[in-house]
């Protein structure tokens, strides 16, 4: 009895020290939690945002706040509450009163067997008090000491009542804190479950997005392949159509050329037959006219003969005139020389002897006779020239007459030739018309060929443009 009475006193005396140690441990725990929260990728203390009593922090520090991360990955109050629940439910069924600390402590006079059950809750709520090493004897040796122990017993009873009241308050606070911790744990479990569900939903959504993106890419790739196959097939079909169209156009062009060449050949044959008929008719007319007019041949032959003779006479007359002129020049030179010699001889004779003068006179007479002979020759030549002039005049008359006759015949021949020229002109005009027709036909064929070539060129350009557009679209699809 006395030992139990003396036991609460050191508990009351040492409770401030325990509170100080628990507060220091809670401050260390808070510092450790803040450090761990700053180093764990932005995680926060689950009790930092909630108004929790200081005793909760002390119990959190006492139950394992300083231990950091437990084996299950939980911290602080969660680990403490889980440890308390596992200790309470490990060897007994689920007891909410013992779990929440609702069972009160037994009275001081209760047996030890009944007080063994709530000891773990009391030990979890407050630190275990240290028992004083001093012990009082059961029986006092002296009687005056018993009288002095009465006021001490009353003081111990008052301190015991105060300690019981304080223990009841601490138990109530511990019960409230346990309830708050349980609620906080449930809330954190709900939040963690919600976060886990949200995280799993986000992961599922991201996986679904990636799967849809992969399916979309696969669909785009398959669509690109399908479009490439379709475009390749279309290109092959277009090439086949182009080849067929080119073959058809070539066949049509060849047929058109054959048609126009056949028509041109027929027209040429017709015009050739007409020209041959007209030529035969003209030749027959000329032969008939030649048979009807034989005089025309005689006149023509006579005109040719007279023209030939007149040309020969002109040549002879010119040659004679040239010879006479040369002879006259020679005679004149001889006369001049003779006269000069006579003058010299006269001059010499005047200054010479009479004999020499006689000889000079004889020589002078000889020279005069020679001069007279030369003069006679000149006169004969002049007469010959006059005869030649008369002959030339007569030949000119004859030539004029023949020319007149030939002019008349030539006029007649000109009229006939004019008719022949008209006929020939008509033949030439017909040939020119035929040539113009051929040129027009050739121009039409060239124009048709140019038109076909232009169509082929335009078709090739359209084909190239379509192929370029298809290639650009395919590149855009591949890039997309």
Protein backbone atom coordinates (compact mmCIF):
# COMPACT_ATOMS: atom_id res chain seq x y z
CA UNK A 1 0.00 0.00 0.00
CA UNK A 2 2.73 2.38 0.94
CA UNK A 3 4.82 1.40 -2.05
CA UNK A 4 1.88 2.13 -4.37
CA UNK A 5 1.28 5.43 -2.64
CA UNK A 6 4.87 6.51 -3.06
CA UNK A 7 5.00 5.41 -6.71
CA UNK A 8 3.02 8.28 -8.36
CA UNK A 9 5.21 10.95 -6.85
CA UNK A 10 8.23 10.36 -9.05
CA UNK A 11 5.89 9.97 -11.99
CA UNK A 12 4.48 13.40 -11.40
CA UNK A 13 7.94 14.77 -10.77
CA UNK A 14 9.44 13.24 -13.94
CA UNK A 15 6.53 13.95 -16.30
CA UNK A 16 7.90 17.37 -17.37
CA UNK A 17 11.21 15.70 -18.28
CA UNK A 18 9.34 13.08 -20.33
CA UNK A 19 7.34 15.84 -21.94
CA UNK A 20 10.54 17.68 -22.78
CA UNK A 21 12.11 14.56 -24.22
CA UNK A 22 8.96 13.80 -26.21
CA UNK A 23 8.79 17.40 -27.48
CA UNK A 24 12.47 17.28 -28.47
CA UNK A 25 11.91 13.96 -30.21
CA UNK A 26 8.82 15.36 -31.94
CA UNK A 27 10.81 18.41 -33.09
CA UNK A 28 13.52 16.09 -34.40
CA UNK A 29 10.82 14.02 -36.07
CA UNK A 30 9.36 17.11 -37.68
CA UNK A 31 12.82 18.11 -38.91
CA UNK A 32 13.43 14.62 -40.26
CA UNK A 33 10.01 14.58 -41.90
CA UNK A 34 10.64 17.95 -43.50
CA UNK A 35 14.02 16.73 -44.80
CA UNK A 36 12.55 13.47 -46.09
CA UNK A 37 9.65 15.30 -47.70
CA UNK A 38 12.02 17.73 -49.44
CA UNK A 39 14.22 14.87 -50.71
CA UNK A 40 11.38 12.52 -51.80
CA UNK A 41 10.31 14.36 -54.97
CA UNK A 42 7.93 16.93 -53.48
CA UNK A 43 6.06 14.62 -51.05
CA UNK A 44 4.47 16.28 -47.98
CA UNK A 45 3.97 15.18 -44.39
CA UNK A 46 0.42 13.86 -44.04
CA UNK A 47 0.11 15.71 -40.68
CA UNK A 48 1.58 18.99 -41.92
CA UNK A 49 -1.69 20.31 -43.34
CA UNK A 50 -3.93 19.19 -40.44
CA UNK A 51 -4.37 20.71 -36.96
CA UNK A 52 -3.05 17.82 -34.81
CA UNK A 53 -2.48 18.00 -31.09
CA UNK A 54 1.06 18.09 -29.73
CA UNK A 55 0.60 14.82 -27.89
CA UNK A 56 -0.11 13.14 -31.21
CA UNK A 57 3.26 14.31 -32.40
CA UNK A 58 4.84 13.04 -29.20
CA UNK A 59 3.18 9.66 -29.61
CA UNK A 60 4.21 9.72 -33.26
CA UNK A 61 7.79 10.38 -32.17
CA UNK A 62 7.61 7.70 -29.46
CA UNK A 63 6.06 5.06 -31.70
CA UNK A 64 8.49 5.37 -34.59
CA UNK A 65 8.50 8.87 -36.07
CA UNK A 66 12.29 8.85 -35.96
CA UNK A 67 12.47 5.56 -37.81
CA UNK A 68 11.67 7.10 -41.24
CA UNK A 69 10.28 4.73 -43.85
CA UNK A 70 9.06 1.39 -42.46
CA UNK A 71 9.15 -1.91 -44.27
CA UNK A 72 5.71 -1.29 -45.77
CA UNK A 73 6.58 2.14 -47.13
CA UNK A 74 4.45 4.07 -44.55
CA UNK A 75 5.62 6.92 -42.34
CA UNK A 76 4.89 8.55 -39.00
CA UNK A 77 1.43 8.13 -37.50
CA UNK A 78 0.39 5.50 -40.03
CA UNK A 79 3.26 3.24 -38.96
CA UNK A 80 2.55 3.88 -35.26
CA UNK A 81 -1.16 3.19 -35.62
CA UNK A 82 -0.52 0.10 -37.71
CA UNK A 83 2.01 -1.12 -35.15
CA UNK A 84 -0.48 -0.57 -32.32
CA UNK A 85 -3.29 -2.33 -34.23
CA UNK A 86 -1.04 -5.28 -35.10
CA UNK A 87 0.06 -5.59 -31.49
CA UNK A 88 -3.55 -5.40 -30.29
CA UNK A 89 -4.89 -7.91 -32.85
CA UNK A 90 -1.97 -10.29 -33.19
CA UNK A 91 -2.98 -12.74 -30.45
CA UNK A 92 -6.61 -11.78 -29.82
CA UNK A 93 -9.75 -11.00 -31.81
CA UNK A 94 -10.60 -7.50 -33.00
CA UNK A 95 -11.24 -5.29 -29.95
CA UNK A 96 -12.19 -1.75 -30.88
CA UNK A 97 -12.07 -0.59 -27.20
CA UNK A 98 -8.54 -1.81 -26.73
CA UNK A 99 -7.65 -0.55 -30.23
CA UNK A 100 -8.99 2.94 -29.58
CA UNK A 101 -7.86 2.95 -25.92
CA UNK A 102 -11.38 3.28 -24.48
CA UNK A 103 -10.82 0.88 -21.57
CA UNK A 104 -10.02 2.71 -18.40
CA UNK A 105 -7.26 1.82 -16.02
CA UNK A 106 -8.25 -0.32 -12.98
CA UNK A 107 -8.43 1.26 -9.57
CA UNK A 108 -5.37 1.25 -7.33
CA UNK A 109 -6.63 -1.64 -5.24
CA UNK A 110 -7.52 -3.88 -8.20
CA UNK A 111 -5.67 -7.14 -8.61
CA UNK A 112 -2.76 -7.41 -10.95
CA UNK A 113 -4.51 -9.90 -13.26
CA UNK A 114 -7.29 -7.46 -14.13
CA UNK A 115 -4.90 -4.62 -14.73
CA UNK A 116 -2.73 -6.57 -17.14
CA UNK A 117 -5.00 -5.99 -20.18
CA UNK A 118 -5.05 -2.17 -20.37
CA UNK A 119 -1.33 -1.86 -19.65
CA UNK A 120 -0.33 -1.73 -23.32
CA UNK A 121 -2.73 1.16 -23.99
CA UNK A 122 -1.50 3.07 -20.98
CA UNK A 123 2.06 2.39 -21.95
CA UNK A 124 1.33 3.66 -25.47
CA UNK A 125 -0.35 6.82 -24.17
CA UNK A 126 2.30 7.88 -21.65
CA UNK A 127 5.84 6.88 -20.78
CA UNK A 128 6.33 4.30 -18.03
CA UNK A 129 7.17 5.95 -14.73
CA UNK A 130 10.36 5.11 -13.00
CA UNK A 131 9.95 3.50 -9.55
CA UNK A 132 11.81 5.17 -6.75
CA UNK A 133 14.60 3.11 -5.38
CA UNK A 134 13.63 3.94 -1.80
CA UNK A 135 11.08 1.75 -0.08
CA UNK A 136 9.36 2.26 3.29
CA UNK A 137 9.24 -0.50 5.91
CA UNK A 138 5.97 -2.14 6.66
CA UNK A 139 6.05 -1.44 10.39
CA UNK A 140 7.55 1.62 11.95
CA UNK A 141 9.93 0.97 14.78
CA UNK A 142 8.70 3.90 16.72
CA UNK A 143 5.25 5.27 17.46
CA UNK A 144 5.99 8.99 17.03
CA UNK A 145 6.79 8.26 13.41
CA UNK A 146 3.26 6.94 12.80
CA UNK A 147 1.78 10.26 13.90
CA UNK A 148 4.02 12.10 11.46
CA UNK A 149 3.03 9.77 8.56
CA UNK A 150 -0.68 10.80 8.57
CA UNK A 151 -0.25 14.21 6.94
CA UNK A 152 2.18 12.63 4.47
CA UNK A 153 -0.40 10.00 3.59
CA UNK A 154 -3.03 12.67 2.98
CA UNK A 155 -0.59 14.55 0.77
CA UNK A 156 0.20 11.35 -1.10
CA UNK A 157 -3.54 10.64 -1.53
CA UNK A 158 -4.06 14.14 -2.92
CA UNK A 159 -1.11 13.76 -5.30
CA UNK A 160 -2.42 10.30 -6.26
CA UNK A 161 -5.85 11.74 -7.02
CA UNK A 162 -4.23 14.50 -9.00
CA UNK A 163 -2.13 11.94 -10.86
CA UNK A 164 -5.22 9.80 -11.53
CA UNK A 165 -7.04 12.84 -12.85
CA UNK A 166 -4.08 13.69 -15.00
CA UNK A 167 -3.86 10.11 -16.22
CA UNK A 168 -7.59 10.17 -17.06
CA UNK A 169 -7.09 13.38 -19.01
CA UNK A 170 -4.10 11.92 -20.79
CA UNK A 171 -6.05 8.77 -21.58
CA UNK A 172 -8.93 10.84 -22.94
CA UNK A 173 -6.49 12.86 -25.04
CA UNK A 174 -4.78 9.67 -26.17
CA UNK A 175 -8.16 8.15 -27.05
CA UNK A 176 -9.09 11.27 -29.02
CA UNK A 177 -5.72 11.28 -30.72
CA UNK A 178 -6.07 7.60 -31.58
CA UNK A 179 -9.49 8.29 -33.01
CA UNK A 180 -8.08 11.19 -35.01
CA UNK A 181 -5.18 9.04 -36.14
CA UNK A 182 -7.59 6.30 -37.22
CA UNK A 183 -9.68 8.82 -39.11
CA UNK A 184 -6.54 10.33 -40.60
CA UNK A 185 -5.33 6.87 -41.57
CA UNK A 186 -8.66 6.04 -43.16
CA UNK A 187 -8.65 9.40 -44.93
CA UNK A 188 -5.10 8.84 -46.11
CA UNK A 189 -6.00 5.32 -47.21
CA UNK A 190 -8.97 6.71 -49.11
CA UNK A 191 -6.82 9.45 -50.61
CA UNK A 192 -4.05 7.01 -51.45
CA UNK A 193 -6.62 4.62 -52.93
CA UNK A 194 -8.13 7.50 -54.89
CA UNK A 195 -4.66 8.65 -55.97
CA UNK A 196 -3.75 5.09 -56.88
CA UNK A 197 -7.00 4.71 -58.80
CA UNK A 198 -6.42 8.08 -60.45
CA UNK A 199 -2.84 7.10 -61.23
CA UNK A 200 -3.99 3.77 -62.63
CA UNK A 201 -6.71 5.56 -64.57
CA UNK A 202 -4.11 8.02 -65.90
CA UNK A 203 -1.81 5.14 -66.78
CA UNK A 204 -4.70 3.31 -68.46
CA UNK A 205 -5.69 6.50 -70.30
CA UNK A 206 -2.08 7.09 -71.36
CA UNK A 207 -1.77 3.46 -72.42
CA UNK A 208 -5.07 3.76 -74.28
CA UNK A 209 -3.81 6.98 -75.89
CA UNK A 210 -0.58 5.30 -76.89
CA UNK A 211 -2.49 2.30 -78.18
CA UNK A 212 -4.87 4.55 -80.12
CA UNK A 213 -1.88 6.52 -81.42
CA UNK A 214 -0.15 3.29 -82.44
CA UNK A 215 -3.34 2.05 -84.05
CA UNK A 216 -3.73 5.43 -85.77
CA UNK A 217 -0.14 5.28 -87.02
CA UNK A 218 -0.68 1.71 -88.17
CA UNK A 219 -3.94 2.74 -89.84
CA UNK A 220 -2.17 5.71 -91.46
CA UNK A 221 0.63 3.44 -92.63
CA UNK A 222 -1.82 0.89 -93.98
CA UNK A 223 -3.85 3.69 -95.53
CA UNK A 224 -0.69 5.09 -97.12
CA UNK A 225 0.20 1.64 -98.43
CA UNK A 226 -3.33 1.18 -99.71
CA UNK A 227 -3.28 4.61 -101.31
CA UNK A 228 0.15 3.88 -102.76
CA UNK A 229 -1.17 0.63 -104.21
CA UNK A 230 -4.26 2.41 -105.51
CA UNK A 231 -2.15 5.21 -106.97
CA UNK A 232 0.20 2.67 -108.53
CA UNK A 233 -2.77 0.83 -110.00
CA UNK A 234 -4.22 4.11 -111.21
CA UNK A 235 -0.87 5.07 -112.72
CA UNK A 236 -0.63 1.72 -114.48
CA UNK A 237 -4.21 2.09 -115.72
CA UNK A 238 -3.49 5.65 -116.87
CA UNK A 239 -0.39 4.46 -118.72
CA UNK A 240 -2.38 1.69 -120.35
CA UNK A 241 -5.12 4.16 -121.27
CA UNK A 242 -2.51 6.55 -122.65
CA UNK A 243 -0.91 3.80 -124.69
CA UNK A 244 -4.32 2.75 -125.99
CA UNK A 245 -5.21 6.36 -126.80
CA UNK A 246 -1.87 6.92 -128.53
CA UNK A 247 -2.34 3.71 -130.50
CA UNK A 248 -5.88 4.76 -131.43
CA UNK A 249 -4.68 8.24 -132.40
CA UNK A 250 -1.85 6.78 -134.48
CA UNK A 251 -4.28 4.42 -136.17
CA UNK A 252 -6.72 7.27 -136.80
CA UNK A 253 -3.89 9.47 -138.11
CA UNK A 254 -2.64 6.69 -140.36
CA UNK A 255 -6.18 6.08 -141.64
CA UNK A 256 -6.61 9.82 -142.25
CA UNK A 257 -3.29 9.96 -144.06
CA UNK A 258 -4.22 6.96 -146.18
CA UNK A 259 -7.60 8.51 -146.96
CA UNK A 260 -6.16 11.88 -147.97
CA UNK A 261 -3.28 10.29 -149.88
CA UNK A 262 -5.79 8.14 -151.79
CA UNK A 263 -7.91 11.21 -152.56
CA UNK A 264 -4.80 13.17 -153.59
CA UNK A 265 -3.65 10.31 -155.80
CA UNK A 266 -7.09 10.14 -157.42
CA UNK A 267 -7.13 13.91 -158.03
CA UNK A 268 -3.58 13.78 -159.42
CA UNK A 269 -4.51 10.94 -161.74
CA UNK A 270 -7.58 12.83 -162.92
CA UNK A 271 -5.62 16.04 -163.56
CA UNK A 272 -2.86 14.07 -165.29
CA UNK A 273 -5.41 12.46 -167.59
CA UNK A 274 -6.94 15.85 -168.34
CA UNK A 275 -3.52 17.39 -169.09
CA UNK A 276 -2.55 14.47 -171.30
CA UNK A 277 -5.83 14.80 -173.19
CA UNK A 278 -5.32 18.57 -173.61
CA UNK A 279 -1.73 18.08 -174.76
CA UNK A 280 -2.80 15.47 -177.29
CA UNK A 281 -5.53 17.79 -178.54
CA UNK A 282 -3.06 20.71 -178.86
CA UNK A 283 -0.52 18.56 -180.70
CA UNK A 284 -3.23 17.33 -183.05
CA UNK A 285 -4.29 20.93 -183.75
CA UNK A 286 -0.68 21.97 -184.46
CA UNK A 287 -0.14 19.04 -186.79
CA UNK A 288 -3.37 19.84 -188.61
CA UNK A 289 -2.36 23.51 -188.97
CA UNK A 290 1.06 22.52 -190.24
CA UNK A 291 -0.51 20.22 -192.82
CA UNK A 292 -2.95 22.94 -193.89
CA UNK A 293 -0.29 25.70 -194.27
CA UNK A 294 2.83 24.39 -196.08
CA UNK A 295 3.65 27.92 -197.30
CA UNK A 296 4.49 28.87 -193.81
CA UNK A 297 7.40 26.41 -193.88
CA UNK A 298 8.68 27.87 -197.16
CA UNK A 299 8.45 31.40 -195.83
CA UNK A 300 10.16 30.37 -192.72
CA UNK A 301 12.95 28.67 -194.69
CA UNK A 302 13.27 31.68 -197.02
CA UNK A 303 13.46 34.06 -194.09
CA UNK A 304 16.11 31.94 -192.50
CA UNK A 305 18.10 31.76 -195.78
CA UNK A 306 17.85 35.52 -196.38
CA UNK A 307 18.90 36.23 -192.86
CA UNK A 308 21.88 33.93 -193.27
CA UNK A 309 22.93 35.51 -196.59
CA UNK A 310 22.51 39.03 -195.28
CA UNK A 311 24.73 38.19 -192.35
CA UNK A 312 27.36 36.71 -194.72
CA UNK A 313 27.17 39.78 -197.00
CA UNK A 314 27.57 42.05 -194.00
CA UNK A 315 30.66 40.17 -192.96
CA UNK A 316 32.13 40.33 -196.50
CA UNK A 317 31.32 44.03 -196.86
CA UNK A 318 32.92 44.78 -193.55
CA UNK A 319 36.04 42.84 -194.51
CA UNK A 320 36.26 44.66 -197.91
CA UNK A 321 35.82 48.03 -196.30
CA UNK A 322 38.53 47.23 -193.81
CA UNK A 323 40.89 46.14 -196.62
CA UNK A 324 40.15 49.28 -198.68
CA UNK A 325 40.70 51.49 -195.70
CA UNK A 326 44.01 49.80 -195.01
CA UNK A 327 45.06 50.19 -198.67
CA UNK A 328 44.07 53.86 -198.67
CA UNK A 329 46.07 54.44 -195.53
CA UNK A 330 49.08 52.73 -197.06
CA UNK A 331 48.76 54.74 -200.28
CA UNK A 332 48.41 57.98 -198.37
CA UNK A 333 51.54 57.13 -196.42
CA UNK A 334 53.38 56.37 -199.65
CA UNK A 335 52.20 59.67 -201.18
CA UNK A 336 53.38 61.58 -198.17
CA UNK A 337 56.73 59.87 -198.29
CA UNK A 338 57.05 60.57 -202.01
CA UNK A 339 56.16 64.21 -201.53
CA UNK A 340 58.68 64.56 -198.80
CA UNK A 341 61.31 62.96 -201.03
CA UNK A 342 60.36 65.33 -203.86
CA UNK A 343 60.73 68.33 -201.61
CA UNK A 344 64.09 67.16 -200.44
CA UNK A 345 65.23 66.52 -203.97
CA UNK A 346 64.01 69.94 -205.07
CA UNK A 347 65.90 71.54 -202.28
CA UNK A 348 69.02 69.60 -203.17
CA UNK A 349 68.57 70.36 -206.90
CA UNK A 350 68.36 74.07 -206.30
CA UNK A 351 71.74 74.08 -204.68
CA UNK A 352 73.38 71.47 -207.00
CA UNK A 353 74.85 71.44 -210.53
CA UNK A 354 72.74 71.56 -213.71
CA UNK A 355 73.39 67.88 -214.36
CA UNK A 356 72.09 67.02 -211.02
CA UNK A 357 69.11 69.30 -211.62
CA UNK A 358 68.34 67.38 -214.82
CA UNK A 359 68.54 64.10 -212.94
CA UNK A 360 66.29 65.55 -210.30
CA UNK A 361 63.82 66.67 -212.90
CA UNK A 362 63.74 63.15 -214.36
CA UNK A 363 63.23 61.72 -210.95
CA UNK A 364 60.54 64.29 -210.29
CA UNK A 365 58.72 63.30 -213.43
CA UNK A 366 58.91 59.66 -212.42
CA UNK A 367 57.57 60.47 -209.06
CA UNK A 368 54.72 62.49 -210.52
CA UNK A 369 53.83 59.58 -212.76
CA UNK A 370 53.82 57.32 -209.73
CA UNK A 371 51.62 59.80 -207.90
CA UNK A 372 49.17 59.89 -210.74
CA UNK A 373 49.10 56.12 -210.80
CA UNK A 374 48.38 56.10 -207.13
CA UNK A 375 45.63 58.66 -207.60
CA UNK A 376 44.10 56.51 -210.29
CA UNK A 377 44.21 53.53 -207.97
CA UNK A 378 42.46 55.60 -205.31
CA UNK A 379 39.75 56.55 -207.73
CA UNK A 380 39.30 52.89 -208.70
CA UNK A 381 39.00 52.01 -205.06
CA UNK A 382 36.44 54.77 -204.55
CA UNK A 383 34.42 53.43 -207.45
CA UNK A 384 34.57 49.96 -205.98
CA UNK A 385 33.34 51.38 -202.70
CA UNK A 386 30.45 53.07 -204.46
CA UNK A 387 29.59 49.78 -206.18
CA UNK A 388 29.71 48.05 -202.84
CA UNK A 389 27.43 50.71 -201.38
CA UNK A 390 24.95 50.20 -204.20
CA UNK A 391 25.11 46.46 -203.67
CA UNK A 392 24.53 47.00 -200.00
CA UNK A 393 21.51 49.17 -200.75
CA UNK A 394 20.08 46.54 -203.06
CA UNK A 395 20.66 43.84 -200.47
CA UNK A 396 19.02 46.09 -197.88
CA UNK A 397 15.97 46.41 -200.09
CA UNK A 398 15.83 42.69 -200.55
CA UNK A 399 16.26 42.24 -196.85
CA UNK A 400 13.44 44.69 -196.15
CA UNK A 401 11.17 42.87 -198.53
CA UNK A 402 12.02 39.53 -196.98
CA UNK A 403 11.57 41.03 -193.54
CA UNK A 404 8.15 42.32 -194.47
CA UNK A 405 7.19 38.96 -195.83
CA UNK A 406 8.60 37.25 -192.78
CA UNK A 407 6.81 39.77 -190.53
CA UNK A 408 3.53 38.93 -192.16
CA UNK A 409 4.24 35.26 -191.82
CA UNK A 410 5.46 35.81 -188.28
CA UNK A 411 2.29 37.74 -187.43
CA UNK A 412 0.31 34.84 -188.68
CA UNK A 413 2.56 32.52 -186.76
CA UNK A 414 2.25 34.81 -183.72
CA UNK A 415 -1.50 34.54 -183.81
CA UNK A 416 -1.23 30.81 -184.00
CA UNK A 417 1.44 30.80 -181.30
CA UNK A 418 -0.78 33.05 -179.19
CA UNK A 419 -3.47 30.47 -179.44
CA UNK A 420 -0.95 27.82 -178.52
CA UNK A 421 0.29 29.98 -175.64
CA UNK A 422 -3.25 30.40 -174.41
CA UNK A 423 -3.65 26.69 -174.53
CA UNK A 424 -0.32 26.23 -172.77
CA UNK A 425 -1.27 28.89 -170.22
CA UNK A 426 -4.49 27.08 -169.51
CA UNK A 427 -2.49 23.91 -169.07
CA UNK A 428 -0.09 25.71 -166.72
CA UNK A 429 -2.98 27.19 -164.78
CA UNK A 430 -4.50 23.76 -164.43
CA UNK A 431 -1.14 22.46 -163.21
CA UNK A 432 -0.84 25.36 -160.78
CA UNK A 433 -4.32 24.68 -159.51
CA UNK A 434 -3.39 21.07 -159.09
CA UNK A 435 -0.22 22.06 -157.21
CA UNK A 436 -2.20 24.49 -155.05
CA UNK A 437 -4.68 21.77 -154.29
CA UNK A 438 -1.85 19.44 -153.38
CA UNK A 439 -0.28 22.13 -151.17
CA UNK A 440 -3.60 22.77 -149.48
CA UNK A 441 -4.04 19.08 -148.88
CA UNK A 442 -0.51 18.84 -147.50
CA UNK A 443 -1.14 21.87 -145.28
CA UNK A 444 -4.33 20.30 -144.01
CA UNK A 445 -2.46 17.09 -143.30
CA UNK A 446 0.29 19.05 -141.51
CA UNK A 447 -2.28 20.99 -139.50
CA UNK A 448 -4.02 17.78 -138.53
CA UNK A 449 -0.70 16.25 -137.56
CA UNK A 450 0.24 19.36 -135.54
CA UNK A 451 -3.15 19.29 -133.83
CA UNK A 452 -2.68 15.63 -132.95
CA UNK A 453 0.86 16.32 -131.69
CA UNK A 454 -0.43 19.24 -129.60
CA UNK A 455 -3.11 17.00 -128.13
CA UNK A 456 -0.50 14.36 -127.35
CA UNK A 457 1.77 17.00 -125.78
CA UNK A 458 -1.10 18.42 -123.69
CA UNK A 459 -2.10 14.92 -122.65
CA UNK A 460 1.49 14.16 -121.64
CA UNK A 461 1.67 17.41 -119.66
CA UNK A 462 -1.60 16.61 -117.89
CA UNK A 463 -0.29 13.15 -117.13
CA UNK A 464 2.97 14.56 -115.72
CA UNK A 465 1.03 17.10 -113.64
CA UNK A 466 -1.25 14.36 -112.29
CA UNK A 467 1.76 12.18 -111.46
CA UNK A 468 3.46 15.10 -109.68
CA UNK A 469 0.28 15.81 -107.69
CA UNK A 470 -0.01 12.15 -106.76
CA UNK A 471 3.66 12.08 -105.70
CA UNK A 472 3.23 15.23 -103.57
CA UNK A 473 0.10 13.80 -101.94
CA UNK A 474 1.90 10.54 -101.24
CA UNK A 475 4.83 12.44 -99.70
CA UNK A 476 2.43 14.46 -97.57
CA UNK A 477 0.74 11.27 -96.41
CA UNK A 478 4.08 9.67 -95.61
CA UNK A 479 5.19 12.77 -93.71
CA UNK A 480 1.86 12.91 -91.85
